[in-house]
Amino acid sequence: MASPRLLARFNRRRYPPSTGVSACCPFAPPRPLPLRDCSSAGMSPPKPSTLIRRAACLFTLLTLSLLMLYTATDSIRFLHLPSASLSSSTLVRIFPSYLNNSPSPNPMQHLKEVLGNASMGNNTVILTTLNDAWASTNSVVDLFLKSFMLGEGTHWLLDHLVIIALDEKAYNRCQAVHKHCFSLVTEDVDFQEEAYFMTPNYLKMMWRRIDFLRSVLELGYDFVFTDTDIMWFRDPFPQFFSDADFQIACDHFFGDPDDLNNMPNGGFNYVKSNNRSIAFYKFWYASHETYPGYHDQDVFNKIKFDPLISDIGLKIRFLDTAYFGGLCEPSKDLNLVCTMHANCCYGMDSKLHDLKIMLQDWRAFTSLPPDLKNESVISWRVPQNCSLHSLRHFDSPSPEINVEQEEEN
């Protein structure tokens, strides 16, 4: 009988270290074996088929690595391309969600498509801007859109409204609630948070808006620009002047639409596309460097007397607050009102509160029989929380107001 030492040597020779392939890849090369074991076991060189499979595995791995490297390099090159611009003075970039939903990666081309889809037969569109602070559920944008549905003869105007989203969340929200959306963001500026009056972000947002509107005019579109905190109760077009190039609402209207002393509000205007209006918007935008630290409305109040306005022949008209009112100077007759603006109001919570009351007042008025409507038995209950003294701190919370609950009241 063989000794235990001989049997152990025999077992080692019979069961050499495994030459099986790796479990993670059927073609992975085997781990190297000690030379003495190979020779002692009498192992033969790998078969040609095995070598071919191993070579195929290595080739596949190499190809996948090169493909991944090329894709990453191409993505980096795309992200660092100079941003397409709507003007030589403004850089614009688009969000990842915009790329996924836009029919064209070119912002200017996409803007043309959005404006074309929303345009009325006479190349007129309605525009508003939106950032995340006003775009959340049960926020200002919901009340804004609801006013079009509650207004008299205003529902059809939603087909011609374009929401200009200033951040990615606002763009995603727009796509959820509206069909004409365009994403626009200024590089190195975050418009996502609420832009409080006269803060640096507020000023940047206002001037970005002026430059963008000039671009719309250059594309040949007339537009009505409206702030999102304006409620639309009637079709405003019958109240616009046919001979004006630029028409603007007022915080305070002194009775004469031609009086340059009227106090305008840049949150609502109707502008026709022509050489005069384009030249005016260029002058308006350039003037923010002449008056640094002023917002667009204050600068307009300064340049409206400038001789250049007469030189270019721009026809300016100021809109009567009887039709285009606001909390600064409410429309007195609900039989006439077209729009109502939550102006002279600071802070999201104050705006939401008074806008909700405004919609309730309108619903109460429209539910009256015709004879009582003519007697004007209902008037606005606003302003309530809104006033020139309602300035909120930057970190003040903005409680949500449930729009669905408002509809039931």
Protein backbone atom coordinates (compact mmCIF):
# COMPACT_ATOMS: atom_id res chain seq x y z
CA MET A 1 0.00 0.00 0.00
CA ALA A 2 1.35 3.39 -0.93
CA SER A 3 2.52 5.65 1.81
CA PRO A 4 0.46 8.79 2.73
CA ARG A 5 3.24 11.02 1.41
CA LEU A 6 3.11 9.32 -2.00
CA LEU A 7 -0.67 9.61 -2.13
CA ALA A 8 -0.53 13.31 -1.35
CA ARG A 9 1.97 13.85 -4.17
CA PHE A 10 -0.24 11.87 -6.53
CA ASN A 11 -3.32 13.96 -5.59
CA ARG A 12 -1.47 17.23 -6.19
CA ARG A 13 -0.50 16.05 -9.68
CA ARG A 14 -4.00 14.81 -10.43
CA TYR A 15 -5.70 18.05 -9.39
CA PRO A 16 -3.56 20.95 -10.56
CA PRO A 17 -4.68 24.61 -10.12
CA SER A 18 -7.80 25.27 -12.20
CA THR A 19 -7.45 26.61 -15.73
CA GLY A 20 -11.17 27.57 -15.94
CA VAL A 21 -12.15 30.95 -17.37
CA SER A 22 -13.31 33.88 -15.24
CA ALA A 23 -16.99 33.95 -14.24
CA CYS A 24 -17.36 37.61 -15.20
CA CYS A 25 -16.35 37.06 -18.80
CA PRO A 26 -16.43 33.70 -20.61
CA PHE A 27 -13.50 34.82 -22.75
CA ALA A 28 -11.30 36.22 -20.00
CA PRO A 29 -7.71 34.93 -20.04
CA PRO A 30 -6.90 32.35 -17.34
CA ARG A 31 -4.76 33.10 -14.39
CA PRO A 32 -1.13 32.14 -15.00
CA LEU A 33 -0.05 28.74 -13.73
CA PRO A 34 3.32 27.94 -12.18
CA LEU A 35 5.67 26.45 -14.75
CA ARG A 36 6.41 23.38 -12.68
CA ASP A 37 2.71 22.56 -12.40
CA CYS A 38 2.17 22.84 -16.14
CA SER A 39 5.03 20.60 -16.97
CA SER A 40 4.26 18.14 -14.23
CA ALA A 41 0.63 17.94 -15.29
CA GLY A 42 1.53 17.50 -18.90
CA MET A 43 -0.76 20.35 -20.02
CA SER A 44 -1.00 21.09 -23.74
CA PRO A 45 -1.13 24.65 -25.25
CA PRO A 46 -4.60 26.23 -25.52
CA LYS A 47 -6.68 25.18 -28.50
CA PRO A 48 -7.03 27.61 -31.43
CA SER A 49 -10.76 28.05 -30.73
CA THR A 50 -9.98 29.15 -27.19
CA LEU A 51 -7.45 31.69 -28.43
CA ILE A 52 -9.97 33.05 -30.91
CA ARG A 53 -12.58 33.52 -28.20
CA ARG A 54 -10.10 35.24 -25.94
CA ALA A 55 -9.03 37.56 -28.75
CA ALA A 56 -12.65 38.37 -29.53
CA CYS A 57 -13.27 39.25 -25.89
CA LEU A 58 -10.27 41.58 -25.79
CA PHE A 59 -11.35 43.21 -29.06
CA THR A 60 -14.89 43.73 -27.76
CA LEU A 61 -13.67 45.27 -24.51
CA LEU A 62 -11.30 47.56 -26.39
CA THR A 63 -14.05 48.66 -28.81
CA LEU A 64 -16.50 49.44 -25.99
CA SER A 65 -13.84 51.45 -24.12
CA LEU A 66 -13.05 53.53 -27.21
CA LEU A 67 -16.76 54.11 -27.89
CA MET A 68 -17.37 55.30 -24.32
CA LEU A 69 -14.36 57.62 -24.52
CA TYR A 70 -15.56 59.11 -27.82
CA THR A 71 -19.08 59.65 -26.48
CA ALA A 72 -17.81 61.40 -23.36
CA THR A 73 -15.47 63.60 -25.39
CA ASP A 74 -18.26 64.53 -27.83
CA SER A 75 -20.60 65.43 -24.93
CA ILE A 76 -17.96 67.63 -23.34
CA ARG A 77 -17.32 69.34 -26.65
CA PHE A 78 -21.08 70.04 -27.03
CA LEU A 79 -21.43 71.42 -23.52
CA HIS A 80 -18.57 73.84 -24.09
CA LEU A 81 -19.72 75.14 -27.43
CA PRO A 82 -20.38 78.89 -27.35
CA SER A 83 -24.01 79.34 -26.35
CA ALA A 84 -26.37 80.34 -29.10
CA SER A 85 -27.67 83.85 -28.54
CA LEU A 86 -30.73 85.84 -29.33
CA SER A 87 -28.58 88.93 -29.51
CA SER A 88 -24.94 89.82 -29.61
CA SER A 89 -25.18 91.19 -26.09
CA THR A 90 -26.90 88.25 -24.46
CA LEU A 91 -25.85 84.66 -23.95
CA VAL A 92 -28.57 82.07 -23.80
CA ARG A 93 -28.35 78.43 -22.91
CA ILE A 94 -30.95 75.69 -22.78
CA PHE A 95 -31.76 73.14 -20.14
CA PRO A 96 -31.35 69.35 -20.42
CA SER A 97 -35.13 68.93 -20.31
CA TYR A 98 -35.39 71.50 -23.09
CA LEU A 99 -33.04 69.41 -25.24
CA ASN A 100 -35.21 66.35 -24.62
CA ASN A 101 -38.41 68.12 -25.68
CA SER A 102 -37.26 70.67 -28.20
CA PRO A 103 -37.59 69.74 -31.89
CA SER A 104 -34.40 71.69 -32.53
CA PRO A 105 -31.24 72.18 -30.43
CA ASN A 106 -30.97 75.73 -31.79
CA PRO A 107 -32.72 78.14 -29.36
CA MET A 108 -33.43 80.73 -32.04
CA GLN A 109 -34.94 78.14 -34.36
CA HIS A 110 -37.03 76.75 -31.53
CA LEU A 111 -38.22 80.25 -30.61
CA LYS A 112 -39.37 80.76 -34.19
CA GLU A 113 -41.27 77.47 -34.07
CA VAL A 114 -42.95 78.27 -30.73
CA LEU A 115 -43.96 81.76 -31.82
CA GLY A 116 -45.22 80.43 -35.15
CA ASN A 117 -47.36 77.79 -33.43
CA ALA A 118 -48.83 80.31 -30.99
CA SER A 119 -49.30 83.20 -33.40
CA MET A 120 -52.64 84.68 -34.34
CA GLY A 121 -53.34 85.24 -38.01
CA ASN A 122 -51.77 88.70 -37.86
CA ASN A 123 -48.47 87.53 -36.34
CA THR A 124 -49.46 88.52 -32.80
CA VAL A 125 -48.59 86.55 -29.68
CA ILE A 126 -49.14 86.95 -25.94
CA LEU A 127 -46.00 86.54 -23.84
CA THR A 128 -45.30 86.10 -20.15
CA THR A 129 -42.19 85.13 -18.20
CA LEU A 130 -42.07 82.57 -15.41
CA ASN A 131 -39.52 81.39 -12.89
CA ASP A 132 -39.71 78.58 -10.37
CA ALA A 133 -40.84 80.84 -7.52
CA TRP A 134 -44.07 81.59 -9.39
CA ALA A 135 -44.42 78.23 -11.11
CA SER A 136 -45.06 75.76 -8.29
CA THR A 137 -48.44 74.11 -7.92
CA ASN A 138 -51.07 76.42 -6.40
CA SER A 139 -48.89 79.43 -7.11
CA VAL A 140 -49.23 82.54 -9.27
CA VAL A 141 -49.16 80.77 -12.65
CA ASP A 142 -52.22 78.68 -11.71
CA LEU A 143 -54.22 81.78 -10.84
CA PHE A 144 -53.00 83.46 -14.03
CA LEU A 145 -54.16 80.60 -16.26
CA LYS A 146 -57.41 80.24 -14.31
CA SER A 147 -58.27 83.88 -15.03
CA PHE A 148 -58.29 83.15 -18.79
CA MET A 149 -60.80 80.37 -18.18
CA LEU A 150 -63.01 82.48 -15.92
CA GLY A 151 -62.86 85.63 -18.05
CA GLU A 152 -65.43 86.69 -20.63
CA GLY A 153 -64.18 85.79 -24.09
CA THR A 154 -60.63 85.11 -22.94
CA HIS A 155 -60.33 81.32 -23.07
CA TRP A 156 -59.32 81.31 -26.75
CA LEU A 157 -56.40 83.62 -25.98
CA LEU A 158 -54.62 80.74 -24.21
CA ASP A 159 -53.96 79.26 -27.65
CA HIS A 160 -51.78 82.29 -28.39
CA LEU A 161 -49.99 82.55 -25.04
CA VAL A 162 -46.29 81.66 -24.85
CA ILE A 163 -44.75 81.12 -21.42
CA ILE A 164 -41.07 82.05 -21.34
CA ALA A 165 -39.47 79.91 -18.60
CA LEU A 166 -36.44 81.42 -16.92
CA ASP A 167 -35.26 78.23 -15.23
CA GLU A 168 -35.56 74.49 -15.72
CA LYS A 169 -38.24 73.88 -13.09
CA ALA A 170 -40.40 76.61 -14.57
CA TYR A 171 -40.00 75.05 -18.01
CA ASN A 172 -41.02 71.62 -16.72
CA ARG A 173 -44.02 73.12 -14.96
CA CYS A 174 -45.01 75.01 -18.10
CA GLN A 175 -45.00 71.81 -20.10
CA ALA A 176 -47.32 70.25 -17.54
CA VAL A 177 -49.94 73.02 -17.71
CA HIS A 178 -49.57 74.74 -21.09
CA LYS A 179 -48.74 73.90 -24.70
CA HIS A 180 -46.55 76.83 -25.79
CA CYS A 181 -43.36 76.96 -23.73
CA PHE A 182 -39.90 78.35 -24.42
CA SER A 183 -36.93 77.91 -22.10
CA LEU A 184 -34.63 80.87 -21.72
CA VAL A 185 -31.90 81.36 -19.17
CA THR A 186 -29.12 83.87 -18.91
CA GLU A 187 -25.72 82.36 -18.22
CA ASP A 188 -24.31 82.83 -14.72
CA VAL A 189 -27.66 84.16 -13.43
CA ASP A 190 -30.06 82.06 -11.35
CA PHE A 191 -33.66 83.29 -11.68
CA GLN A 192 -35.08 80.27 -9.85
CA GLU A 193 -35.73 81.98 -6.52
CA GLU A 194 -38.20 84.82 -6.03
CA ALA A 195 -36.62 88.04 -7.33
CA TYR A 196 -37.51 90.70 -4.79
CA PHE A 197 -38.12 94.22 -6.00
CA MET A 198 -34.95 96.16 -6.88
CA THR A 199 -32.56 93.38 -5.82
CA PRO A 200 -29.72 92.59 -8.27
CA ASN A 201 -31.50 89.49 -9.58
CA TYR A 202 -34.72 91.47 -10.06
CA LEU A 203 -32.90 94.07 -12.16
CA LYS A 204 -31.17 91.41 -14.24
CA MET A 205 -34.49 89.69 -14.85
CA MET A 206 -36.17 92.91 -15.95
CA TRP A 207 -33.41 93.87 -18.37
CA ARG A 208 -33.15 90.34 -19.71
CA ARG A 209 -36.84 90.60 -20.48
CA ILE A 210 -36.44 93.86 -22.41
CA ASP A 211 -33.66 92.41 -24.55
CA PHE A 212 -35.66 89.26 -25.24
CA LEU A 213 -38.75 91.23 -26.29
CA ARG A 214 -36.61 93.17 -28.74
CA SER A 215 -35.65 89.83 -30.28
CA VAL A 216 -39.32 88.92 -30.70
CA LEU A 217 -39.94 92.20 -32.51
CA GLU A 218 -37.00 91.54 -34.81
CA LEU A 219 -38.58 88.20 -35.74
CA GLY A 220 -41.60 90.14 -37.01
CA TYR A 221 -44.09 89.43 -34.21
CA ASP A 222 -46.37 91.92 -32.50
CA PHE A 223 -46.85 91.00 -28.87
CA VAL A 224 -48.83 91.67 -25.75
CA PHE A 225 -46.50 91.22 -22.81
CA THR A 226 -48.18 90.47 -19.51
CA ASP A 227 -46.78 89.82 -16.07
CA THR A 228 -47.99 86.53 -14.60
CA ASP A 229 -49.59 88.34 -11.66
CA ILE A 230 -52.12 89.97 -14.01
CA MET A 231 -55.60 88.52 -14.17
CA TRP A 232 -57.26 88.50 -17.61
CA PHE A 233 -61.01 89.09 -17.38
CA ARG A 234 -61.84 90.32 -20.91
CA ASP A 235 -60.25 90.35 -24.34
CA PRO A 236 -58.09 93.51 -24.31
CA PHE A 237 -57.62 93.88 -28.06
CA PRO A 238 -60.78 95.95 -28.66
CA GLN A 239 -59.42 98.53 -26.20
CA PHE A 240 -56.03 98.96 -27.86
CA PHE A 241 -55.28 101.98 -30.07
CA SER A 242 -54.92 101.12 -33.75
CA ASP A 243 -52.41 103.90 -34.48
CA ALA A 244 -49.90 103.25 -31.67
CA ASP A 245 -46.54 101.47 -31.93
CA PHE A 246 -46.14 101.06 -28.18
CA GLN A 247 -48.97 100.93 -25.64
CA ILE A 248 -48.37 100.49 -21.92
CA ALA A 249 -50.48 100.11 -18.79
CA CYS A 250 -50.24 102.58 -15.92
CA ASP A 251 -49.85 102.58 -12.18
CA HIS A 252 -51.59 105.95 -12.32
CA PHE A 253 -53.48 107.27 -15.34
CA PHE A 254 -54.19 111.01 -15.59
CA GLY A 255 -56.93 110.85 -18.21
CA ASP A 256 -55.05 111.51 -21.47
CA PRO A 257 -53.49 108.51 -23.29
CA ASP A 258 -50.98 110.83 -25.01
CA ASP A 259 -49.79 112.48 -21.79
CA LEU A 260 -46.17 111.48 -21.16
CA ASN A 261 -46.66 112.34 -17.50
CA ASN A 262 -48.78 109.22 -16.99
CA MET A 263 -47.07 106.76 -14.63
CA PRO A 264 -46.49 103.59 -16.69
CA ASN A 265 -46.18 100.01 -15.54
CA GLY A 266 -43.92 97.75 -17.61
CA GLY A 267 -45.85 94.63 -16.63
CA PHE A 268 -48.37 95.03 -19.44
CA ASN A 269 -47.81 96.44 -22.90
CA TYR A 270 -48.83 95.93 -26.51
CA VAL A 271 -46.11 96.50 -29.10
CA LYS A 272 -46.21 96.30 -32.88
CA SER A 273 -43.19 95.04 -34.77
CA ASN A 274 -41.68 97.74 -36.99
CA ASN A 275 -38.46 99.68 -37.36
CA ARG A 276 -39.62 102.27 -34.84
CA SER A 277 -40.39 99.81 -32.06
CA ILE A 278 -37.21 97.82 -32.66
CA ALA A 279 -35.10 100.98 -32.49
CA PHE A 280 -36.92 102.00 -29.32
CA TYR A 281 -36.29 98.68 -27.57
CA LYS A 282 -32.60 98.87 -28.48
CA PHE A 283 -32.46 102.38 -27.04
CA TRP A 284 -34.40 101.30 -23.95
CA TYR A 285 -32.06 98.38 -23.27
CA ALA A 286 -28.92 100.43 -23.89
CA SER A 287 -30.19 103.06 -21.45
CA HIS A 288 -29.77 100.70 -18.49
CA GLU A 289 -26.07 101.50 -18.71
CA THR A 290 -26.85 105.21 -18.66
CA TYR A 291 -28.98 104.73 -15.53
CA PRO A 292 -27.30 101.89 -13.60
CA GLY A 293 -29.28 100.52 -10.69
CA TYR A 294 -32.67 101.47 -12.19
CA HIS A 295 -35.23 98.97 -13.41
CA ASP A 296 -36.84 99.10 -16.83
CA GLN A 297 -39.92 101.01 -15.71
CA ASP A 298 -37.93 103.83 -14.09
CA VAL A 299 -35.63 104.06 -17.11
CA PHE A 300 -38.65 104.27 -19.41
CA ASN A 301 -39.96 107.15 -17.33
CA LYS A 302 -36.69 108.96 -18.02
CA ILE A 303 -36.27 108.21 -21.72
CA LYS A 304 -39.91 108.79 -22.72
CA PHE A 305 -39.06 112.50 -22.91
CA ASP A 306 -35.85 111.93 -24.87
CA PRO A 307 -35.73 113.63 -28.32
CA LEU A 308 -34.73 110.29 -29.84
CA ILE A 309 -38.30 109.06 -29.32
CA SER A 310 -39.56 111.84 -31.57
CA ASP A 311 -36.71 111.33 -34.01
CA ILE A 312 -37.58 107.69 -34.61
CA GLY A 313 -41.29 108.57 -34.79
CA LEU A 314 -42.45 106.15 -32.10
CA LYS A 315 -46.13 106.57 -31.25
CA ILE A 316 -46.68 105.94 -27.51
CA ARG A 317 -50.10 105.54 -25.92
CA PHE A 318 -50.89 105.00 -22.22
CA LEU A 319 -53.70 102.61 -21.32
CA ASP A 320 -56.60 103.73 -19.12
CA THR A 321 -56.80 102.04 -15.71
CA ALA A 322 -60.56 101.83 -16.19
CA TYR A 323 -59.79 98.92 -18.54
CA PHE A 324 -56.29 97.96 -17.46
CA GLY A 325 -56.29 98.41 -13.72
CA GLY A 326 -54.20 97.27 -10.83
CA LEU A 327 -53.93 97.44 -7.08
CA CYS A 328 -52.20 100.82 -7.39
CA GLU A 329 -55.31 102.18 -9.11
CA PRO A 330 -58.09 99.55 -9.39
CA SER A 331 -60.60 99.56 -12.23
CA LYS A 332 -63.76 100.97 -10.72
CA ASP A 333 -66.29 99.31 -13.01
CA LEU A 334 -66.23 95.52 -13.38
CA ASN A 335 -68.31 95.93 -16.55
CA LEU A 336 -65.28 97.53 -18.23
CA VAL A 337 -62.23 95.86 -16.71
CA CYS A 338 -60.04 93.79 -19.03
CA THR A 339 -57.05 93.09 -16.80
CA MET A 340 -56.13 93.62 -13.14
CA HIS A 341 -52.54 93.69 -11.97
CA ALA A 342 -51.22 92.82 -8.49
CA ASN A 343 -48.92 95.84 -8.65
CA CYS A 344 -47.98 97.98 -5.63
CA CYS A 345 -47.49 94.66 -3.87
CA TYR A 346 -44.41 92.98 -2.48
CA GLY A 347 -43.98 89.40 -1.40
CA MET A 348 -45.38 86.16 -2.77
CA ASP A 349 -47.79 85.57 0.10
CA SER A 350 -49.38 89.00 -0.27
CA LYS A 351 -49.78 88.59 -4.04
CA LEU A 352 -51.31 85.15 -3.74
CA HIS A 353 -53.77 86.31 -1.09
CA ASP A 354 -55.01 89.34 -3.02
CA LEU A 355 -55.08 87.56 -6.38
CA LYS A 356 -57.26 84.88 -4.86
CA ILE A 357 -59.66 87.54 -3.52
CA MET A 358 -59.63 89.20 -6.94
CA LEU A 359 -60.76 85.99 -8.65
CA GLN A 360 -63.48 85.49 -6.03
CA ASP A 361 -64.77 89.01 -6.66
CA TRP A 362 -64.85 88.35 -10.40
CA ARG A 363 -66.73 85.07 -9.96
CA ALA A 364 -69.27 86.83 -7.75
CA PHE A 365 -69.74 89.54 -10.38
CA THR A 366 -70.20 87.12 -13.30
CA SER A 367 -72.80 85.15 -11.32
CA LEU A 368 -75.07 88.22 -11.03
CA PRO A 369 -78.10 88.65 -13.31
CA PRO A 370 -77.57 91.28 -16.06
CA ASP A 371 -79.59 94.02 -14.37
CA LEU A 372 -77.50 93.83 -11.20
CA LYS A 373 -74.26 93.77 -13.18
CA ASN A 374 -75.20 97.08 -14.77
CA GLU A 375 -75.78 98.61 -11.34
CA SER A 376 -72.22 97.74 -10.31
CA VAL A 377 -73.31 96.40 -6.93
CA ILE A 378 -70.02 94.55 -6.55
CA SER A 379 -66.64 96.20 -6.30
CA TRP A 380 -63.15 94.92 -5.61
CA ARG A 381 -62.27 93.91 -2.06
CA VAL A 382 -58.59 94.38 -2.84
CA PRO A 383 -56.02 95.51 -1.96
CA GLN A 384 -55.95 93.72 1.37
CA ASN A 385 -52.50 92.29 2.10
CA CYS A 386 -50.96 94.21 -0.79
CA SER A 387 -49.74 97.73 -0.22
CA LEU A 388 -46.62 99.82 -0.57
CA HIS A 389 -45.90 98.93 3.06
CA SER A 390 -46.11 95.15 2.55
CA LEU A 391 -42.43 94.64 1.78
CA ARG A 392 -41.37 91.16 2.88
CA HIS A 393 -37.97 90.04 4.05
CA PHE A 394 -36.03 87.94 1.60
CA ASP A 395 -36.46 84.80 3.69
CA SER A 396 -40.17 85.23 4.38
CA PRO A 397 -42.16 82.04 3.74
CA SER A 398 -44.70 81.93 0.95
CA PRO A 399 -47.70 79.86 2.08
CA GLU A 400 -49.47 77.96 -0.64
CA ILE A 401 -53.03 78.86 -1.52
CA ASN A 402 -55.06 76.01 -2.90
CA VAL A 403 -56.54 77.04 -6.23
CA GLU A 404 -58.95 74.11 -6.22
CA GLN A 405 -60.31 75.33 -2.90
CA GLU A 406 -60.65 78.81 -4.36
CA GLU A 407 -62.80 77.41 -7.16
CA GLU A 408 -65.21 75.92 -4.64
CA ASN A 409 -65.66 79.21 -2.76
